[in-house]
């Protein structure tokens, strides 16, 4: 088994471009570790799902409790799908795509559509002139103040925890993902990805219904997916919206309005260092390699 490289320790902040050579050693997946990570995620997921199903004969509330616990493994499956989309989980592009597409059925996320829109998100994140793909609506202070009262109220409403972590995840994963939103005119490939995933989901749900009826869908499947999608949205939020975040335009820098609807202490996130690492080198696996100690990102002084 190959040995993981030692973490790189940075002595100072340095320019952002200096991170690229520091992260080069973390680009290569460790195949044995990738297989282990997949196994310790998929096997517990299947086992807890089976236990939740079996618990229906005892109490539906026990099934719900187990289902909610299983949401953690759904989130972890999505993380693996994420790394597959970056070509970072396996060394083989074919295996990344195969595993990513299978997991996409479980996470309600068409793999090829998500991979493309996520790549666009990486290319445009932090650029205020190219907002709108794979991001949470974020206004600058000037944009917020320029909006009429109704616009400001709606902006706050969208970013309210009940909406952002309740309604939005349901819409995004259960409804929006059923068609290739953002890629409607980008070719048959993305329609095939979305509709193929939809067909596989229908087969999966139909099989669950035929084998276990409505209780399996209601008490075993639905709570797990609702909590998993909400948790995924929260993780995305805290990794991209934190105090003193700054975004740029082509001419100069302006401070993004990220102070509205502060939800939870940001110390609960997986850490901005991980997010910064991914944006500098998307091909770095999020598991299987020790995290390098990177210099903290500095924001330009705001107005």
Protein backbone atom coordinates (compact mmCIF):
# COMPACT_ATOMS: atom_id res chain seq x y z
CA UNK A 1 0.00 0.00 0.00
CA UNK A 2 1.40 3.37 -0.96
CA UNK A 3 2.14 5.84 1.77
CA UNK A 4 0.37 9.18 1.94
CA UNK A 5 2.60 12.22 1.76
CA UNK A 6 3.33 14.17 4.89
CA UNK A 7 1.22 17.30 5.38
CA UNK A 8 2.73 20.46 3.97
CA UNK A 9 3.04 23.26 6.50
CA UNK A 10 2.96 26.78 5.24
CA UNK A 11 5.03 29.41 7.01
CA UNK A 12 3.01 32.35 5.80
CA UNK A 13 -0.01 33.28 3.76
CA UNK A 14 1.74 33.84 0.44
CA UNK A 15 -0.05 34.35 -2.89
CA UNK A 16 -2.91 32.04 -3.77
CA UNK A 17 -0.98 30.70 -6.74
CA UNK A 18 1.67 29.32 -4.39
CA UNK A 19 -0.83 26.73 -3.18
CA UNK A 20 -0.76 24.85 -6.48
CA UNK A 21 2.67 23.23 -6.08
CA UNK A 22 1.99 22.59 -2.40
CA UNK A 23 -1.12 20.58 -3.29
CA UNK A 24 0.43 18.62 -6.15
CA UNK A 25 1.33 15.70 -3.86
CA UNK A 26 -2.31 15.28 -2.86
CA UNK A 27 -3.74 14.82 -6.35
CA UNK A 28 -3.18 11.09 -6.75
CA UNK A 29 -5.86 8.84 -5.19
CA UNK A 30 -4.81 5.84 -3.12
CA UNK A 31 -6.83 2.98 -4.71
CA UNK A 32 -6.91 0.77 -1.64
CA UNK A 33 -8.06 3.65 0.54
CA UNK A 34 -10.73 4.60 -2.00
CA UNK A 35 -12.15 1.09 -1.92
CA UNK A 36 -12.13 1.09 1.88
CA UNK A 37 -13.89 4.46 2.03
CA UNK A 38 -16.56 3.22 -0.37
CA UNK A 39 -17.04 0.01 1.61
CA UNK A 40 -17.28 1.69 5.03
CA UNK A 41 -19.95 3.97 3.57
CA UNK A 42 -22.03 1.66 1.38
CA UNK A 43 -22.11 -1.33 3.74
CA UNK A 44 -23.32 0.58 6.83
CA UNK A 45 -25.82 2.44 4.63
CA UNK A 46 -27.30 -0.82 3.36
CA UNK A 47 -27.25 -2.41 6.83
CA UNK A 48 -29.02 0.50 8.54
CA UNK A 49 -31.55 0.68 5.72
CA UNK A 50 -32.31 -3.03 6.19
CA UNK A 51 -32.60 -2.59 9.97
CA UNK A 52 -34.92 0.36 9.52
CA UNK A 53 -37.07 -1.74 7.20
CA UNK A 54 -37.12 -4.68 9.61
CA UNK A 55 -38.03 -2.38 12.51
CA UNK A 56 -41.35 -1.61 10.84
CA UNK A 57 -42.66 -4.84 12.35
CA UNK A 58 -41.86 -3.46 15.82
CA UNK A 59 -42.54 0.27 15.58
CA UNK A 60 -42.53 2.78 12.71
CA UNK A 61 -40.87 5.31 15.01
CA UNK A 62 -37.87 3.03 15.47
CA UNK A 63 -37.71 2.87 11.67
CA UNK A 64 -37.78 6.65 11.46
CA UNK A 65 -34.99 6.96 14.05
CA UNK A 66 -32.78 4.53 12.13
CA UNK A 67 -33.66 6.26 8.88
CA UNK A 68 -32.58 9.63 10.25
CA UNK A 69 -29.30 8.10 11.43
CA UNK A 70 -28.75 6.70 7.96
CA UNK A 71 -28.89 10.22 6.51
CA UNK A 72 -25.25 10.61 7.56
CA UNK A 73 -24.25 7.85 5.16
CA UNK A 74 -26.30 9.39 2.34
CA UNK A 75 -24.33 12.62 2.83
CA UNK A 76 -21.11 10.62 2.81
CA UNK A 77 -22.18 8.89 -0.40
CA UNK A 78 -22.71 12.31 -1.94
CA UNK A 79 -19.19 13.30 -0.90
CA UNK A 80 -17.86 10.25 -2.72
CA UNK A 81 -19.95 11.20 -5.76
CA UNK A 82 -18.45 14.67 -5.52
CA UNK A 83 -14.91 13.29 -5.61
CA UNK A 84 -15.83 11.00 -8.51
CA UNK A 85 -17.09 14.07 -10.38
CA UNK A 86 -13.69 15.68 -9.93
CA UNK A 87 -11.97 12.49 -11.12
CA UNK A 88 -10.36 12.28 -7.69
CA UNK A 89 -11.79 9.21 -5.99
CA UNK A 90 -10.35 6.54 -8.29
CA UNK A 91 -7.39 6.75 -10.62
CA UNK A 92 -9.59 5.54 -13.48
CA UNK A 93 -12.00 7.94 -15.17
CA UNK A 94 -14.28 5.01 -16.02
CA UNK A 95 -14.56 3.87 -12.42
CA UNK A 96 -15.15 7.41 -11.21
CA UNK A 97 -18.01 7.77 -13.69
CA UNK A 98 -19.51 4.34 -12.99
CA UNK A 99 -19.53 4.75 -9.23
CA UNK A 100 -20.66 8.37 -9.51
CA UNK A 101 -23.66 7.45 -11.67
CA UNK A 102 -24.74 4.65 -9.35
CA UNK A 103 -24.49 6.87 -6.29
CA UNK A 104 -26.39 9.58 -8.17
CA UNK A 105 -29.49 7.38 -8.10
CA UNK A 106 -29.26 7.13 -4.31
CA UNK A 107 -28.61 10.86 -3.86
CA UNK A 108 -31.25 11.93 -6.42
CA UNK A 109 -28.52 13.74 -8.35
CA UNK A 110 -27.85 13.02 -12.05
CA UNK A 111 -24.11 12.55 -12.13
CA UNK A 112 -23.17 14.02 -15.53
CA UNK A 113 -25.42 17.05 -15.06
CA UNK A 114 -24.07 17.72 -11.60
CA UNK A 115 -20.45 17.23 -12.70
CA UNK A 116 -20.84 19.85 -15.42
CA UNK A 117 -22.71 22.42 -13.34
CA UNK A 118 -20.30 21.91 -10.45
CA UNK A 119 -17.38 22.55 -12.79
CA UNK A 120 -19.07 25.80 -13.82
CA UNK A 121 -19.52 26.62 -10.14
CA UNK A 122 -15.79 26.13 -9.57
CA UNK A 123 -14.97 28.34 -12.52
CA UNK A 124 -17.27 31.18 -11.46
CA UNK A 125 -17.40 31.10 -7.65
CA UNK A 126 -16.40 34.40 -6.11
CA UNK A 127 -17.02 36.23 -9.40
CA UNK A 128 -19.96 38.56 -8.86
CA UNK A 129 -20.38 39.02 -12.61
CA UNK A 130 -20.98 35.30 -13.15
CA UNK A 131 -23.25 34.33 -10.28
CA UNK A 132 -26.15 31.91 -10.62
CA UNK A 133 -24.76 28.40 -11.14
CA UNK A 134 -24.51 26.12 -8.12
CA UNK A 135 -24.51 28.93 -5.60
CA UNK A 136 -26.78 30.44 -2.96
CA UNK A 137 -28.22 33.86 -3.88
CA UNK A 138 -25.82 36.43 -2.48
CA UNK A 139 -26.02 40.20 -2.93
CA UNK A 140 -23.45 42.87 -2.31
CA UNK A 141 -24.33 45.53 0.25
CA UNK A 142 -24.94 48.02 -2.56
CA UNK A 143 -27.17 45.60 -4.47
CA UNK A 144 -29.17 44.82 -1.35
CA UNK A 145 -29.70 48.47 -0.50
CA UNK A 146 -30.71 49.27 -4.07
CA UNK A 147 -33.53 46.73 -4.02
CA UNK A 148 -37.08 47.82 -3.16
CA UNK A 149 -38.55 46.71 0.17
CA UNK A 150 -40.20 43.63 -1.36
CA UNK A 151 -36.91 42.55 -2.94
CA UNK A 152 -35.06 42.87 0.38
CA UNK A 153 -37.78 40.92 2.19
CA UNK A 154 -37.67 38.14 -0.41
CA UNK A 155 -33.88 38.00 -0.19
CA UNK A 156 -34.05 37.58 3.57
CA UNK A 157 -36.85 35.04 3.20
CA UNK A 158 -34.85 32.86 0.79
CA UNK A 159 -31.92 32.88 3.21
CA UNK A 160 -34.06 32.12 6.27
CA UNK A 161 -33.15 28.72 7.82
CA UNK A 162 -36.65 27.30 7.35
CA UNK A 163 -36.56 28.07 3.64
CA UNK A 164 -32.86 27.50 2.97
CA UNK A 165 -32.60 24.20 4.82
CA UNK A 166 -36.19 23.02 4.50
CA UNK A 167 -37.87 24.06 1.28
CA UNK A 168 -34.83 24.67 -0.93
CA UNK A 169 -33.23 21.21 -0.43
CA UNK A 170 -36.53 19.49 -1.23
CA UNK A 171 -36.94 21.58 -4.36
CA UNK A 172 -33.34 21.13 -5.48
CA UNK A 173 -32.97 17.38 -5.00
CA UNK A 174 -36.51 16.07 -5.42
CA UNK A 175 -37.73 18.40 -8.19
CA UNK A 176 -35.05 20.49 -9.91
CA UNK A 177 -32.68 17.57 -10.41
CA UNK A 178 -35.25 15.74 -12.52
CA UNK A 179 -34.26 17.80 -15.57
CA UNK A 180 -30.85 19.26 -16.52
CA UNK A 181 -31.50 22.77 -15.22
CA UNK A 182 -28.83 25.12 -16.55
CA UNK A 183 -27.94 22.71 -19.36
CA UNK A 184 -31.27 22.45 -21.17
CA UNK A 185 -29.68 23.36 -24.50
CA UNK A 186 -26.27 21.81 -23.93
CA UNK A 187 -26.87 18.54 -25.72
CA UNK A 188 -28.47 15.14 -25.33
CA UNK A 189 -25.85 13.91 -22.91
CA UNK A 190 -27.24 15.90 -20.02
CA UNK A 191 -30.84 15.04 -20.82
CA UNK A 192 -29.81 11.38 -20.95
CA UNK A 193 -28.11 11.76 -17.56
CA UNK A 194 -31.12 13.40 -15.93
CA UNK A 195 -33.80 11.20 -17.49
CA UNK A 196 -31.71 8.05 -17.06
CA UNK A 197 -31.28 8.85 -13.37
CA UNK A 198 -35.01 9.57 -13.11
CA UNK A 199 -35.82 6.18 -14.63
CA UNK A 200 -33.46 4.42 -12.22
CA UNK A 201 -35.01 6.27 -9.28
CA UNK A 202 -38.49 5.21 -10.40
CA UNK A 203 -37.33 1.59 -10.59
CA UNK A 204 -35.79 1.87 -7.12
CA UNK A 205 -38.87 3.47 -5.54
CA UNK A 206 -41.19 1.12 -7.40
CA UNK A 207 -39.25 -1.87 -6.11
CA UNK A 208 -39.40 -0.56 -2.55
CA UNK A 209 -43.16 -0.08 -2.90
CA UNK A 210 -43.75 -3.55 -4.33
CA UNK A 211 -41.63 -5.20 -1.67
CA UNK A 212 -42.65 -3.17 1.36
CA UNK A 213 -45.53 -0.91 0.44
CA UNK A 214 -46.10 2.68 1.49
CA UNK A 215 -44.62 2.26 5.03
CA UNK A 216 -41.16 1.59 3.59
CA UNK A 217 -41.28 4.75 1.52
CA UNK A 218 -42.81 6.84 4.30
CA UNK A 219 -40.82 5.67 7.34
CA UNK A 220 -37.61 4.19 5.93
CA UNK A 221 -36.78 6.15 2.78
CA UNK A 222 -38.30 9.63 3.09
CA UNK A 223 -36.95 10.75 6.52
CA UNK A 224 -33.44 9.69 5.51
CA UNK A 225 -33.53 11.65 2.28
CA UNK A 226 -35.14 14.77 3.76
CA UNK A 227 -32.51 15.03 6.49
CA UNK A 228 -29.65 14.18 4.12
CA UNK A 229 -30.61 16.85 1.58
CA UNK A 230 -31.08 19.43 4.33
CA UNK A 231 -27.70 18.57 5.87
CA UNK A 232 -26.04 18.76 2.47
CA UNK A 233 -27.50 22.22 1.90
CA UNK A 234 -26.28 23.35 5.32
CA UNK A 235 -22.77 22.09 4.64
CA UNK A 236 -22.73 23.88 1.30
CA UNK A 237 -23.93 27.07 2.98
CA UNK A 238 -21.37 27.17 5.78
CA UNK A 239 -18.51 26.37 3.40
CA UNK A 240 -19.35 29.29 1.14
CA UNK A 241 -20.91 31.94 3.40
CA UNK A 242 -18.87 33.19 6.33
CA UNK A 243 -17.89 36.51 7.83
CA UNK A 244 -15.61 38.77 5.81
CA UNK A 245 -16.08 36.69 2.65
CA UNK A 246 -15.19 38.81 -0.35
CA UNK A 247 -16.00 38.28 -4.00
CA UNK A 248 -14.60 40.04 -7.00
CA UNK A 249 -15.66 41.75 -10.17
CA UNK A 250 -13.54 42.22 -13.23
CA UNK A 251 -12.65 45.70 -11.97
CA UNK A 252 -11.76 45.80 -8.30
CA UNK A 253 -13.21 44.02 -5.31
CA UNK A 254 -16.45 44.52 -3.44
CA UNK A 255 -17.58 42.88 -0.24
CA UNK A 256 -20.40 40.38 -0.63
CA UNK A 257 -23.40 40.72 1.64
CA UNK A 258 -23.04 37.54 3.72
CA UNK A 259 -24.17 38.83 7.09
CA UNK A 260 -27.89 38.28 6.65
CA UNK A 261 -29.67 35.35 8.28
CA UNK A 262 -26.65 34.03 10.15
CA UNK A 263 -27.72 30.50 11.00
CA UNK A 264 -25.23 28.54 13.09
CA UNK A 265 -21.74 29.07 14.50
CA UNK A 266 -19.33 28.47 11.67
CA UNK A 267 -16.97 26.47 13.86
CA UNK A 268 -19.29 23.54 13.13
CA UNK A 269 -18.27 23.42 9.49
CA UNK A 270 -15.72 21.04 8.03
CA UNK A 271 -13.46 24.05 7.79
CA UNK A 272 -12.72 26.68 5.16
CA UNK A 273 -9.27 25.14 4.71
CA UNK A 274 -10.88 22.11 3.04
CA UNK A 275 -12.95 24.33 0.80
CA UNK A 276 -9.95 26.45 -0.15
CA UNK A 277 -7.99 23.31 -0.93
CA UNK A 278 -10.72 22.03 -3.21
CA UNK A 279 -11.01 25.29 -5.12
CA UNK A 280 -7.30 25.46 -5.69
CA UNK A 281 -7.09 21.78 -6.68
CA UNK A 282 -10.49 20.18 -7.34
CA UNK A 283 -8.78 16.88 -8.13
CA UNK A 284 -7.52 16.49 -4.55
CA UNK A 285 -9.55 13.74 -2.87
CA UNK A 286 -11.49 14.83 0.21
CA UNK A 287 -10.73 11.52 1.89
CA UNK A 288 -7.78 9.19 1.99
CA UNK A 289 -5.16 11.92 2.21
CA UNK A 290 -4.10 13.93 5.25
CA UNK A 291 -5.05 17.58 4.95
CA UNK A 292 -2.17 19.92 4.26
CA UNK A 293 -1.95 22.87 6.58
CA UNK A 294 -2.69 25.73 4.27
CA UNK A 295 -2.30 29.45 4.86
CA UNK A 296 -5.54 31.20 5.78
CA UNK A 297 -7.30 32.99 2.96
CA UNK A 298 -7.19 36.74 3.25
CA UNK A 299 -9.97 39.00 2.12
CA UNK A 300 -9.26 42.45 0.72
CA UNK A 301 -10.38 45.27 3.00
CA UNK A 302 -14.02 46.09 2.50
CA UNK A 303 -15.57 49.50 2.09
